[in-house]
């Protein structure tokens, strides 16, 4: 069976993108942000984008697989924790 990255809830794309940049900032990973609503809303937001290299400013190519994976893993941990809180009500 083919795997798809299609979002079940399309409206979640913006929140997940924001989490991605927030977590990268928390981990001290220098990544570009697309600015505006899609950028991170953290105290480190000014530091993001220092190494941005693509036309839209969202460049992650300089990160190692471990660094990028740690961001994805943290997103998953937060999603699971949020789901557990919502189901335990």
PDB file of N, CA and C in Angstrom:
ATOM      1  N   UNK A   1       0.843  -1.166   0.000  1.00  0.00           N
ATOM      2  CA  UNK A   1       0.000   0.000   0.000  1.00  0.00           C
ATOM      3  C   UNK A   1       0.895   1.238   0.000  1.00  0.00           C
ATOM      4  N   UNK A   2       0.617   2.159  -0.863  1.00  0.00           N
ATOM      5  CA  UNK A   2       1.400   3.391  -0.963  1.00  0.00           C
ATOM      6  C   UNK A   2       1.096   4.302   0.226  1.00  0.00           C
ATOM      7  N   UNK A   3       2.135   4.946   0.700  1.00  0.00           N
ATOM      8  CA  UNK A   3       1.977   5.868   1.817  1.00  0.00           C
ATOM      9  C   UNK A   3       1.807   7.282   1.274  1.00  0.00           C
ATOM     10  N   UNK A   4       0.971   8.042   1.899  1.00  0.00           N
ATOM     11  CA  UNK A   4       0.688   9.394   1.440  1.00  0.00           C
ATOM     12  C   UNK A   4       0.914  10.386   2.571  1.00  0.00           C
ATOM     13  N   UNK A   5       1.397  11.569   2.234  1.00  0.00           N
ATOM     14  CA  UNK A   5       1.577  12.623   3.233  1.00  0.00           C
ATOM     15  C   UNK A   5       0.395  13.571   3.251  1.00  0.00           C
ATOM     16  N   UNK A   6      -0.732  13.128   2.721  1.00  0.00           N
ATOM     17  CA  UNK A   6      -1.929  13.955   2.692  1.00  0.00           C
ATOM     18  C   UNK A   6      -2.417  14.186   4.113  1.00  0.00           C
ATOM     19  N   UNK A   7      -2.696  15.429   4.426  1.00  0.00           N
ATOM     20  CA  UNK A   7      -3.181  15.783   5.756  1.00  0.00           C
ATOM     21  C   UNK A   7      -4.658  15.413   5.867  1.00  0.00           C
ATOM     22  N   UNK A   8      -5.009  14.738   6.952  1.00  0.00           N
ATOM     23  CA  UNK A   8      -6.406  14.390   7.189  1.00  0.00           C
ATOM     24  C   UNK A   8      -7.199  15.651   7.493  1.00  0.00           C
ATOM     25  N   UNK A   9      -6.590  16.573   8.226  1.00  0.00           N
ATOM     26  CA  UNK A   9      -7.209  17.857   8.529  1.00  0.00           C
ATOM     27  C   UNK A   9      -6.333  18.930   7.885  1.00  0.00           C
ATOM     28  N   UNK A  10      -6.697  19.390   6.687  1.00  0.00           N
ATOM     29  CA  UNK A  10      -5.843  20.351   5.971  1.00  0.00           C
ATOM     30  C   UNK A  10      -5.538  21.622   6.763  1.00  0.00           C
ATOM     31  N   UNK A  11      -6.445  22.026   7.645  1.00  0.00           N
ATOM     32  CA  UNK A  11      -6.234  23.230   8.437  1.00  0.00           C
ATOM     33  C   UNK A  11      -5.077  23.075   9.422  1.00  0.00           C
ATOM     34  N   UNK A  12      -4.640  21.846   9.657  1.00  0.00           N
ATOM     35  CA  UNK A  12      -3.557  21.605  10.607  1.00  0.00           C
ATOM     36  C   UNK A  12      -2.193  21.959  10.034  1.00  0.00           C
ATOM     37  N   UNK A  13      -2.102  22.145   8.724  1.00  0.00           N
ATOM     38  CA  UNK A  13      -0.814  22.413   8.083  1.00  0.00           C
ATOM     39  C   UNK A  13      -0.117  23.626   8.701  1.00  0.00           C
ATOM     40  N   UNK A  14      -0.846  24.705   8.932  1.00  0.00           N
ATOM     41  CA  UNK A  14      -0.250  25.932   9.474  1.00  0.00           C
ATOM     42  C   UNK A  14       0.269  25.721  10.892  1.00  0.00           C
ATOM     43  N   UNK A  15      -0.495  25.018  11.728  1.00  0.00           N
ATOM     44  CA  UNK A  15      -0.072  24.758  13.102  1.00  0.00           C
ATOM     45  C   UNK A  15       1.164  23.868  13.117  1.00  0.00           C
ATOM     46  N   UNK A  16       1.162  22.829  12.310  1.00  0.00           N
ATOM     47  CA  UNK A  16       2.324  21.939  12.256  1.00  0.00           C
ATOM     48  C   UNK A  16       3.560  22.675  11.760  1.00  0.00           C
ATOM     49  N   UNK A  17       3.391  23.552  10.788  1.00  0.00           N
ATOM     50  CA  UNK A  17       4.515  24.327  10.275  1.00  0.00           C
ATOM     51  C   UNK A  17       5.050  25.259  11.366  1.00  0.00           C
ATOM     52  N   UNK A  18       4.148  25.873  12.127  1.00  0.00           N
ATOM     53  CA  UNK A  18       4.582  26.749  13.213  1.00  0.00           C
ATOM     54  C   UNK A  18       5.330  25.951  14.271  1.00  0.00           C
ATOM     55  N   UNK A  19       4.815  24.789  14.638  1.00  0.00           N
ATOM     56  CA  UNK A  19       5.495  23.931  15.612  1.00  0.00           C
ATOM     57  C   UNK A  19       6.890  23.569  15.123  1.00  0.00           C
ATOM     58  N   UNK A  20       7.009  23.281  13.824  1.00  0.00           N
ATOM     59  CA  UNK A  20       8.301  22.895  13.260  1.00  0.00           C
ATOM     60  C   UNK A  20       9.338  23.975  13.533  1.00  0.00           C
ATOM     61  N   UNK A  21       9.001  25.219  13.271  1.00  0.00           N
ATOM     62  CA  UNK A  21       9.948  26.310  13.483  1.00  0.00           C
ATOM     63  C   UNK A  21      10.179  26.588  14.968  1.00  0.00           C
ATOM     64  N   UNK A  22       9.143  26.474  15.789  1.00  0.00           N
ATOM     65  CA  UNK A  22       9.309  26.678  17.225  1.00  0.00           C
ATOM     66  C   UNK A  22      10.255  25.638  17.808  1.00  0.00           C
ATOM     67  N   UNK A  23      10.064  24.390  17.423  1.00  0.00           N
ATOM     68  CA  UNK A  23      10.908  23.305  17.938  1.00  0.00           C
ATOM     69  C   UNK A  23      12.337  23.460  17.443  1.00  0.00           C
ATOM     70  N   UNK A  24      12.501  23.813  16.185  1.00  0.00           N
ATOM     71  CA  UNK A  24      13.854  24.034  15.658  1.00  0.00           C
ATOM     72  C   UNK A  24      14.544  25.144  16.455  1.00  0.00           C
ATOM     73  N   UNK A  25      13.814  26.210  16.792  1.00  0.00           N
ATOM     74  CA  UNK A  25      14.389  27.294  17.582  1.00  0.00           C
ATOM     75  C   UNK A  25      14.747  26.809  18.984  1.00  0.00           C
ATOM     76  N   UNK A  26      13.865  26.004  19.598  1.00  0.00           N
ATOM     77  CA  UNK A  26      14.134  25.460  20.926  1.00  0.00           C
ATOM     78  C   UNK A  26      15.390  24.596  20.921  1.00  0.00           C
ATOM     79  N   UNK A  27      15.601  23.848  19.838  1.00  0.00           N
ATOM     80  CA  UNK A  27      16.765  22.975  19.723  1.00  0.00           C
ATOM     81  C   UNK A  27      18.004  23.736  19.256  1.00  0.00           C
ATOM     82  N   UNK A  28      17.851  25.010  18.931  1.00  0.00           N
ATOM     83  CA  UNK A  28      18.978  25.815  18.488  1.00  0.00           C
ATOM     84  C   UNK A  28      19.411  25.523  17.063  1.00  0.00           C
ATOM     85  N   UNK A  29      18.493  25.050  16.245  1.00  0.00           N
ATOM     86  CA  UNK A  29      18.802  24.723  14.856  1.00  0.00           C
ATOM     87  C   UNK A  29      18.541  25.941  13.976  1.00  0.00           C
ATOM     88  N   UNK A  30      19.529  26.395  13.223  1.00  0.00           N
ATOM     89  CA  UNK A  30      19.346  27.571  12.372  1.00  0.00           C
ATOM     90  C   UNK A  30      18.641  27.211  11.068  1.00  0.00           C
ATOM     91  N   UNK A  31      17.385  27.567  10.961  1.00  0.00           N
ATOM     92  CA  UNK A  31      16.620  27.319   9.732  1.00  0.00           C
ATOM     93  C   UNK A  31      15.939  28.597   9.312  1.00  0.00           C
ATOM     94  N   UNK A  32      15.684  28.710   8.020  1.00  0.00           N
ATOM     95  CA  UNK A  32      14.982  29.887   7.507  1.00  0.00           C
ATOM     96  C   UNK A  32      13.516  29.786   7.818  1.00  0.00           C
ATOM     97  N   UNK A  33      12.879  30.914   7.931  1.00  0.00           N
ATOM     98  CA  UNK A  33      11.430  30.919   8.114  1.00  0.00           C
ATOM     99  C   UNK A  33      10.820  31.687   6.970  1.00  0.00           C
ATOM    100  N   UNK A  34       9.611  31.342   6.627  1.00  0.00           N
ATOM    101  CA  UNK A  34       8.952  31.985   5.503  1.00  0.00           C
ATOM    102  C   UNK A  34       8.391  33.343   5.878  1.00  0.00           C
ATOM    103  N   UNK A  35       8.532  33.722   7.137  1.00  0.00           N
ATOM    104  CA  UNK A  35       8.051  35.030   7.578  1.00  0.00           C
ATOM    105  C   UNK A  35       6.545  35.058   7.684  1.00  0.00           C
ATOM    106  N   UNK A  36       6.032  36.168   8.163  1.00  0.00           N
ATOM    107  CA  UNK A  36       4.584  36.327   8.260  1.00  0.00           C
ATOM    108  C   UNK A  36       3.958  35.294   9.174  1.00  0.00           C
ATOM    109  N   UNK A  37       2.786  34.810   8.773  1.00  0.00           N
ATOM    110  CA  UNK A  37       2.036  33.885   9.614  1.00  0.00           C
ATOM    111  C   UNK A  37       2.690  32.530   9.701  1.00  0.00           C
ATOM    112  N   UNK A  38       3.502  32.147   8.711  1.00  0.00           N
ATOM    113  CA  UNK A  38       4.098  30.827   8.721  1.00  0.00           C
ATOM    114  C   UNK A  38       5.359  30.727   9.534  1.00  0.00           C
ATOM    115  N   UNK A  39       5.874  31.855  10.036  1.00  0.00           N
ATOM    116  CA  UNK A  39       7.113  31.843  10.790  1.00  0.00           C
ATOM    117  C   UNK A  39       6.882  31.448  12.229  1.00  0.00           C
ATOM    118  N   UNK A  40       7.976  31.257  12.943  1.00  0.00           N
ATOM    119  CA  UNK A  40       7.885  30.874  14.339  1.00  0.00           C
ATOM    120  C   UNK A  40       7.543  32.084  15.186  1.00  0.00           C
ATOM    121  N   UNK A  41       6.760  31.865  16.205  1.00  0.00           N
ATOM    122  CA  UNK A  41       6.397  32.929  17.119  1.00  0.00           C
ATOM    123  C   UNK A  41       7.064  32.640  18.452  1.00  0.00           C
ATOM    124  N   UNK A  42       8.391  32.724  18.473  1.00  0.00           N
ATOM    125  CA  UNK A  42       9.144  32.440  19.685  1.00  0.00           C
ATOM    126  C   UNK A  42      10.113  33.568  19.936  1.00  0.00           C
ATOM    127  N   UNK A  43      10.754  33.529  21.086  1.00  0.00           N
ATOM    128  CA  UNK A  43      11.725  34.561  21.394  1.00  0.00           C
ATOM    129  C   UNK A  43      12.949  34.480  20.492  1.00  0.00           C
ATOM    130  N   UNK A  44      13.151  33.352  19.803  1.00  0.00           N
ATOM    131  CA  UNK A  44      14.293  33.159  18.928  1.00  0.00           C
ATOM    132  C   UNK A  44      13.970  33.437  17.467  1.00  0.00           C
ATOM    133  N   UNK A  45      12.789  33.906  17.195  1.00  0.00           N
ATOM    134  CA  UNK A  45      12.357  34.065  15.808  1.00  0.00           C
ATOM    135  C   UNK A  45      13.292  34.970  15.019  1.00  0.00           C
ATOM    136  N   UNK A  46      13.904  35.944  15.655  1.00  0.00           N
ATOM    137  CA  UNK A  46      14.818  36.840  14.954  1.00  0.00           C
ATOM    138  C   UNK A  46      16.072  36.135  14.468  1.00  0.00           C
ATOM    139  N   UNK A  47      16.452  35.048  15.138  1.00  0.00           N
ATOM    140  CA  UNK A  47      17.647  34.311  14.754  1.00  0.00           C
ATOM    141  C   UNK A  47      17.383  33.352  13.599  1.00  0.00           C
ATOM    142  N   UNK A  48      16.137  32.990  13.384  1.00  0.00           N
ATOM    143  CA  UNK A  48      15.805  32.084  12.298  1.00  0.00           C
ATOM    144  C   UNK A  48      16.037  32.782  10.969  1.00  0.00           C
ATOM    145  N   UNK A  49      16.450  32.056   9.989  1.00  0.00           N
ATOM    146  CA  UNK A  49      16.658  32.631   8.676  1.00  0.00           C
ATOM    147  C   UNK A  49      18.092  33.027   8.414  1.00  0.00           C
ATOM    148  N   UNK A  50      18.968  32.868   9.392  1.00  0.00           N
ATOM    149  CA  UNK A  50      20.362  33.267   9.218  1.00  0.00           C
ATOM    150  C   UNK A  50      21.038  32.472   8.107  1.00  0.00           C
ATOM    151  N   UNK A  51      20.637  31.237   7.924  1.00  0.00           N
ATOM    152  CA  UNK A  51      21.237  30.408   6.888  1.00  0.00           C
ATOM    153  C   UNK A  51      20.277  30.127   5.744  1.00  0.00           C
ATOM    154  N   UNK A  52      19.156  30.817   5.704  1.00  0.00           N
ATOM    155  CA  UNK A  52      18.160  30.574   4.654  1.00  0.00           C
ATOM    156  C   UNK A  52      18.780  30.720   3.280  1.00  0.00           C
ATOM    157  N   UNK A  53      18.448  29.799   2.349  1.00  0.00           N
ATOM    158  CA  UNK A  53      19.072  29.844   1.052  1.00  0.00           C
ATOM    159  C   UNK A  53      18.126  29.692  -0.110  1.00  0.00           C
ATOM    160  N   UNK A  54      16.907  29.299   0.117  1.00  0.00           N
ATOM    161  CA  UNK A  54      15.986  29.116  -0.988  1.00  0.00           C
ATOM    162  C   UNK A  54      15.177  30.383  -1.211  1.00  0.00           C
ATOM    163  N   UNK A  55      14.463  30.442  -2.306  1.00  0.00           N
ATOM    164  CA  UNK A  55      13.727  31.652  -2.654  1.00  0.00           C
ATOM    165  C   UNK A  55      12.628  31.980  -1.656  1.00  0.00           C
ATOM    166  N   UNK A  56      12.025  30.976  -1.026  1.00  0.00           N
ATOM    167  CA  UNK A  56      10.966  31.261  -0.057  1.00  0.00           C
ATOM    168  C   UNK A  56      11.496  31.339   1.371  1.00  0.00           C
ATOM    169  N   UNK A  57      12.803  31.192   1.582  1.00  0.00           N
ATOM    170  CA  UNK A  57      13.392  31.325   2.901  1.00  0.00           C
ATOM    171  C   UNK A  57      13.231  30.113   3.786  1.00  0.00           C
ATOM    172  N   UNK A  58      12.612  29.052   3.329  1.00  0.00           N
ATOM    173  CA  UNK A  58      12.407  27.861   4.129  1.00  0.00           C
ATOM    174  C   UNK A  58      13.419  26.804   3.713  1.00  0.00           C
ATOM    175  N   UNK A  59      14.624  26.911   4.250  1.00  0.00           N
ATOM    176  CA  UNK A  59      15.704  26.005   3.852  1.00  0.00           C
ATOM    177  C   UNK A  59      16.118  25.149   5.035  1.00  0.00           C
ATOM    178  N   UNK A  60      16.084  23.846   4.841  1.00  0.00           N
ATOM    179  CA  UNK A  60      16.465  22.906   5.890  1.00  0.00           C
ATOM    180  C   UNK A  60      17.594  21.986   5.427  1.00  0.00           C
ATOM    181  N   UNK A  61      18.121  22.187   4.225  1.00  0.00           N
ATOM    182  CA  UNK A  61      19.092  21.270   3.634  1.00  0.00           C
ATOM    183  C   UNK A  61      20.419  21.170   4.348  1.00  0.00           C
ATOM    184  N   UNK A  62      20.776  22.134   5.149  1.00  0.00           N
ATOM    185  CA  UNK A  62      22.051  22.098   5.849  1.00  0.00           C
ATOM    186  C   UNK A  62      22.000  21.262   7.127  1.00  0.00           C
ATOM    187  N   UNK A  63      20.796  20.859   7.554  1.00  0.00           N
ATOM    188  CA  UNK A  63      20.658  20.063   8.770  1.00  0.00           C
ATOM    189  C   UNK A  63      20.981  18.603   8.499  1.00  0.00           C
ATOM    190  N   UNK A  64      21.492  17.933   9.515  1.00  0.00           N
ATOM    191  CA  UNK A  64      21.721  16.498   9.392  1.00  0.00           C
ATOM    192  C   UNK A  64      20.385  15.772   9.505  1.00  0.00           C
ATOM    193  N   UNK A  65      20.368  14.525   9.108  1.00  0.00           N
ATOM    194  CA  UNK A  65      19.150  13.718   9.245  1.00  0.00           C
ATOM    195  C   UNK A  65      18.745  13.602  10.702  1.00  0.00           C
ATOM    196  N   UNK A  66      19.713  13.500  11.580  1.00  0.00           N
ATOM    197  CA  UNK A  66      19.420  13.391  13.007  1.00  0.00           C
ATOM    198  C   UNK A  66      18.738  14.658  13.513  1.00  0.00           C
ATOM    199  N   UNK A  67      19.247  15.830  13.103  1.00  0.00           N
ATOM    200  CA  UNK A  67      18.650  17.089  13.544  1.00  0.00           C
ATOM    201  C   UNK A  67      17.225  17.248  13.021  1.00  0.00           C
ATOM    202  N   UNK A  68      17.039  16.997  11.732  1.00  0.00           N
ATOM    203  CA  UNK A  68      15.706  17.117  11.142  1.00  0.00           C
ATOM    204  C   UNK A  68      14.750  16.091  11.752  1.00  0.00           C
ATOM    205  N   UNK A  69      15.254  14.893  11.981  1.00  0.00           N
ATOM    206  CA  UNK A  69      14.433  13.847  12.583  1.00  0.00           C
ATOM    207  C   UNK A  69      14.042  14.161  14.007  1.00  0.00           C
ATOM    208  N   UNK A  70      14.932  14.840  14.731  1.00  0.00           N
ATOM    209  CA  UNK A  70      14.600  15.190  16.106  1.00  0.00           C
ATOM    210  C   UNK A  70      13.453  16.193  16.150  1.00  0.00           C
ATOM    211  N   UNK A  71      13.377  17.075  15.154  1.00  0.00           N
ATOM    212  CA  UNK A  71      12.259  18.016  15.080  1.00  0.00           C
ATOM    213  C   UNK A  71      10.962  17.245  14.821  1.00  0.00           C
ATOM    214  N   UNK A  72      10.983  16.335  13.854  1.00  0.00           N
ATOM    215  CA  UNK A  72       9.797  15.531  13.557  1.00  0.00           C
ATOM    216  C   UNK A  72       9.386  14.659  14.731  1.00  0.00           C
ATOM    217  N   UNK A  73      10.357  14.111  15.437  1.00  0.00           N
ATOM    218  CA  UNK A  73      10.064  13.283  16.611  1.00  0.00           C
ATOM    219  C   UNK A  73       9.413  14.084  17.719  1.00  0.00           C
ATOM    220  N   UNK A  74       9.885  15.312  17.906  1.00  0.00           N
ATOM    221  CA  UNK A  74       9.301  16.170  18.942  1.00  0.00           C
ATOM    222  C   UNK A  74       7.876  16.571  18.571  1.00  0.00           C
ATOM    223  N   UNK A  75       7.631  16.824  17.287  1.00  0.00           N
ATOM    224  CA  UNK A  75       6.265  17.126  16.843  1.00  0.00           C
ATOM    225  C   UNK A  75       5.353  15.944  17.169  1.00  0.00           C
ATOM    226  N   UNK A  76       5.819  14.737  16.883  1.00  0.00           N
ATOM    227  CA  UNK A  76       5.031  13.538  17.153  1.00  0.00           C
ATOM    228  C   UNK A  76       4.759  13.397  18.648  1.00  0.00           C
ATOM    229  N   UNK A  77       5.776  13.621  19.481  1.00  0.00           N
ATOM    230  CA  UNK A  77       5.591  13.534  20.931  1.00  0.00           C
ATOM    231  C   UNK A  77       4.540  14.530  21.407  1.00  0.00           C
ATOM    232  N   UNK A  78       4.568  15.743  20.861  1.00  0.00           N
ATOM    233  CA  UNK A  78       3.604  16.758  21.275  1.00  0.00           C
ATOM    234  C   UNK A  78       2.198  16.426  20.796  1.00  0.00           C
ATOM    235  N   UNK A  79       2.090  15.873  19.597  1.00  0.00           N
ATOM    236  CA  UNK A  79       0.768  15.471  19.092  1.00  0.00           C
ATOM    237  C   UNK A  79       0.179  14.360  19.944  1.00  0.00           C
ATOM    238  N   UNK A  80       0.995  13.386  20.311  1.00  0.00           N
ATOM    239  CA  UNK A  80       0.523  12.272  21.152  1.00  0.00           C
ATOM    240  C   UNK A  80       0.112  12.793  22.526  1.00  0.00           C
ATOM    241  N   UNK A  81       0.931  13.679  23.101  1.00  0.00           N
ATOM    242  CA  UNK A  81       0.600  14.233  24.423  1.00  0.00           C
ATOM    243  C   UNK A  81      -0.707  15.018  24.367  1.00  0.00           C
ATOM    244  N   UNK A  82      -0.893  15.786  23.311  1.00  0.00           N
ATOM    245  CA  UNK A  82      -2.126  16.555  23.169  1.00  0.00           C
ATOM    246  C   UNK A  82      -3.333  15.622  23.020  1.00  0.00           C
ATOM    247  N   UNK A  83      -3.186  14.569  22.240  1.00  0.00           N
ATOM    248  CA  UNK A  83      -4.276  13.620  22.058  1.00  0.00           C
ATOM    249  C   UNK A  83      -4.604  12.923  23.381  1.00  0.00           C
ATOM    250  N   UNK A  84      -3.585  12.559  24.145  1.00  0.00           N
ATOM    251  CA  UNK A  84      -3.826  11.925  25.429  1.00  0.00           C
ATOM    252  C   UNK A  84      -4.567  12.846  26.386  1.00  0.00           C
ATOM    253  N   UNK A  85      -4.205  14.136  26.377  1.00  0.00           N
ATOM    254  CA  UNK A  85      -4.907  15.103  27.243  1.00  0.00           C
ATOM    255  C   UNK A  85      -6.366  15.217  26.815  1.00  0.00           C
ATOM    256  N   UNK A  86      -6.615  15.256  25.515  1.00  0.00           N
ATOM    257  CA  UNK A  86      -7.983  15.411  25.026  1.00  0.00           C
ATOM    258  C   UNK A  86      -8.848  14.192  25.297  1.00  0.00           C
ATOM    259  N   UNK A  87      -8.252  13.002  25.275  1.00  0.00           N
ATOM    260  CA  UNK A  87      -9.025  11.784  25.505  1.00  0.00           C
ATOM    261  C   UNK A  87      -9.230  11.495  26.978  1.00  0.00           C
ATOM    262  N   UNK A  88      -8.429  12.094  27.820  1.00  0.00           N
ATOM    263  CA  UNK A  88      -8.551  11.807  29.257  1.00  0.00           C
ATOM    264  C   UNK A  88      -9.561  12.719  29.936  1.00  0.00           C
ATOM    265  N   UNK A  89     -10.223  13.576  29.187  1.00  0.00           N
ATOM    266  CA  UNK A  89     -11.198  14.502  29.789  1.00  0.00           C
ATOM    267  C   UNK A  89     -12.416  13.803  30.263  1.00  0.00           C
TER     268      UNK A  89
END
